[in-house]
Protein backbone atom coordinates (compact mmCIF):
# COMPACT_ATOMS: atom_id res chain seq x y z
CA MET A 1 2.69 3.62 -12.60
CA LEU A 2 4.06 0.19 -11.76
CA ASN A 3 4.43 -2.43 -14.44
CA ARG A 4 3.47 -6.10 -13.99
CA GLU A 5 7.09 -7.22 -13.50
CA GLN A 6 7.60 -4.71 -10.68
CA VAL A 7 4.37 -5.83 -9.00
CA ASP A 8 5.41 -9.49 -9.14
CA GLN A 9 8.71 -8.63 -7.47
CA LEU A 10 7.32 -6.42 -4.68
CA PHE A 11 6.63 -9.20 -2.16
CA ASP A 12 8.82 -8.81 0.92
CA HIS A 13 10.41 -5.53 -0.23
CA GLU A 14 11.12 -3.05 2.57
CA VAL A 15 8.74 -0.07 2.67
CA TYR A 16 9.96 3.35 3.79
CA SER A 17 8.27 6.67 4.40
CA SER A 18 9.11 9.80 2.44
CA GLN A 19 11.20 10.83 5.47
CA GLY A 20 13.25 7.62 5.35
CA ALA A 21 11.62 5.79 8.28
CA ARG A 22 11.14 2.04 7.84
CA ILE A 23 7.43 1.16 7.84
CA GLY A 24 7.51 -2.61 7.21
CA ARG A 25 7.55 -5.20 4.43
CA VAL A 26 5.21 -5.69 1.46
CA ARG A 27 2.89 -8.64 2.06
CA ARG A 28 0.25 -8.37 -0.69
CA VAL A 29 -0.47 -6.31 -3.79
CA TYR A 30 -4.02 -5.55 -4.93
CA ALA A 31 -4.91 -4.66 -8.50
CA ASP A 32 -8.13 -3.02 -9.61
CA ASP A 33 -10.61 -5.73 -10.69
CA ILE A 34 -11.50 -3.89 -13.89
CA SER A 35 -8.30 -2.17 -15.05
CA GLY A 36 -5.77 -4.60 -13.57
CA VAL A 37 -3.72 -1.63 -12.37
CA PRO A 38 -2.09 -2.23 -8.96
CA ASP A 39 -3.61 0.27 -6.54
CA TRP A 40 -2.84 -1.04 -3.06
CA MET A 41 -0.32 -3.06 -1.12
CA THR A 42 -0.45 -4.31 2.42
CA VAL A 43 2.56 -3.69 4.58
CA SER A 44 3.40 -5.64 7.71
CA THR A 45 3.39 -3.15 10.56
CA GLY A 46 3.04 -3.18 14.31
CA LEU A 47 4.99 -5.08 16.89
CA PHE A 48 6.79 -7.97 15.18
CA GLY A 49 5.02 -7.13 11.89
CA THR A 50 1.81 -8.83 12.99
CA LYS A 51 -0.55 -6.25 11.48
CA GLU A 52 -1.11 -5.61 7.77
CA THR A 53 -1.91 -2.05 6.74
CA TYR A 54 -3.12 -0.95 3.30
CA VAL A 55 -0.94 1.64 1.57
CA LEU A 56 -1.80 3.35 -1.72
CA LEU A 57 0.70 2.36 -4.42
CA THR A 58 -0.04 5.15 -6.90
CA ASP A 59 2.93 7.37 -6.03
CA ALA A 60 5.30 4.71 -4.67
CA GLU A 61 8.86 4.65 -5.93
CA ILE A 62 10.79 1.39 -6.24
CA GLU A 63 14.55 1.21 -6.13
CA GLY A 64 16.12 -2.21 -5.71
CA LYS A 65 14.36 -3.95 -2.80
CA ARG A 66 13.15 -0.63 -1.35
CA VAL A 67 9.69 0.88 -1.84
CA THR A 68 9.30 4.51 -0.80
CA VAL A 69 5.81 5.91 -0.28
CA PRO A 70 4.89 9.61 0.03
CA TYR A 71 3.49 9.22 3.55
CA THR A 72 4.90 9.35 7.04
CA LYS A 73 5.20 6.22 9.14
CA GLU A 74 2.62 7.62 11.59
CA PHE A 75 0.16 8.34 8.80
CA VAL A 76 0.38 4.76 7.53
CA LYS A 77 0.16 3.43 11.08
CA HIS A 78 -3.18 5.20 11.57
CA ALA A 79 -4.78 4.07 8.28
CA PRO A 80 -8.24 2.50 8.59
CA ASN A 81 -8.18 -1.03 9.93
CA VAL A 82 -9.35 -3.07 6.96
CA PRO A 83 -8.58 -6.80 7.17
CA PRO A 84 -6.54 -8.09 4.22
CA GLU A 85 -8.73 -10.17 1.91
CA GLU A 86 -8.78 -11.27 -1.71
CA HIS A 87 -10.75 -8.19 -2.79
CA LEU A 88 -11.57 -4.85 -1.22
CA SER A 89 -15.28 -4.12 -0.99
CA PRO A 90 -16.42 -0.81 -2.54
CA GLU A 91 -17.00 0.53 1.00
CA GLU A 92 -13.51 -0.45 2.16
CA GLU A 93 -12.00 1.06 -0.97
CA ARG A 94 -13.89 4.34 -0.43
CA GLU A 95 -12.72 4.47 3.19
CA LEU A 96 -9.09 3.90 2.22
CA TYR A 97 -9.15 6.38 -0.69
CA GLY A 98 -10.77 8.91 1.64
CA TYR A 99 -8.02 8.43 4.21
CA TYR A 100 -5.22 8.71 1.67
CA SER A 101 -7.01 11.67 -0.01
CA HIS A 102 -5.66 10.83 -3.42
CA PRO A 103 -7.00 13.37 -5.95
CA ASP A 104 -6.73 11.05 -8.96
CA HIS A 105 -9.19 8.51 -7.59
CA THR A 106 -12.90 8.84 -7.17
CA PRO A 107 -14.22 5.55 -5.91
């Protein structure tokens, strides 16, 4: 689990897939409204980094300015298109958790 200091420093870190492919840069970090635990980050993806894609932070590893997530670049690229906002709605959160199929979360 990420601590608060790591979360504060994540902005603009490079994000890589578990296979070593560059996915993009961290743009935002979202913490659970109740627990305060950071669950999601958006990563700039697409041509010229113009799209932001939600990526589950639960199993991310941080080393220096590099964040490695346990997903392929293609998997992240095809995540549900949820516009980045201040808060995720319960429906958006369910859709994203469903896509990432994370067993530890039941929205």
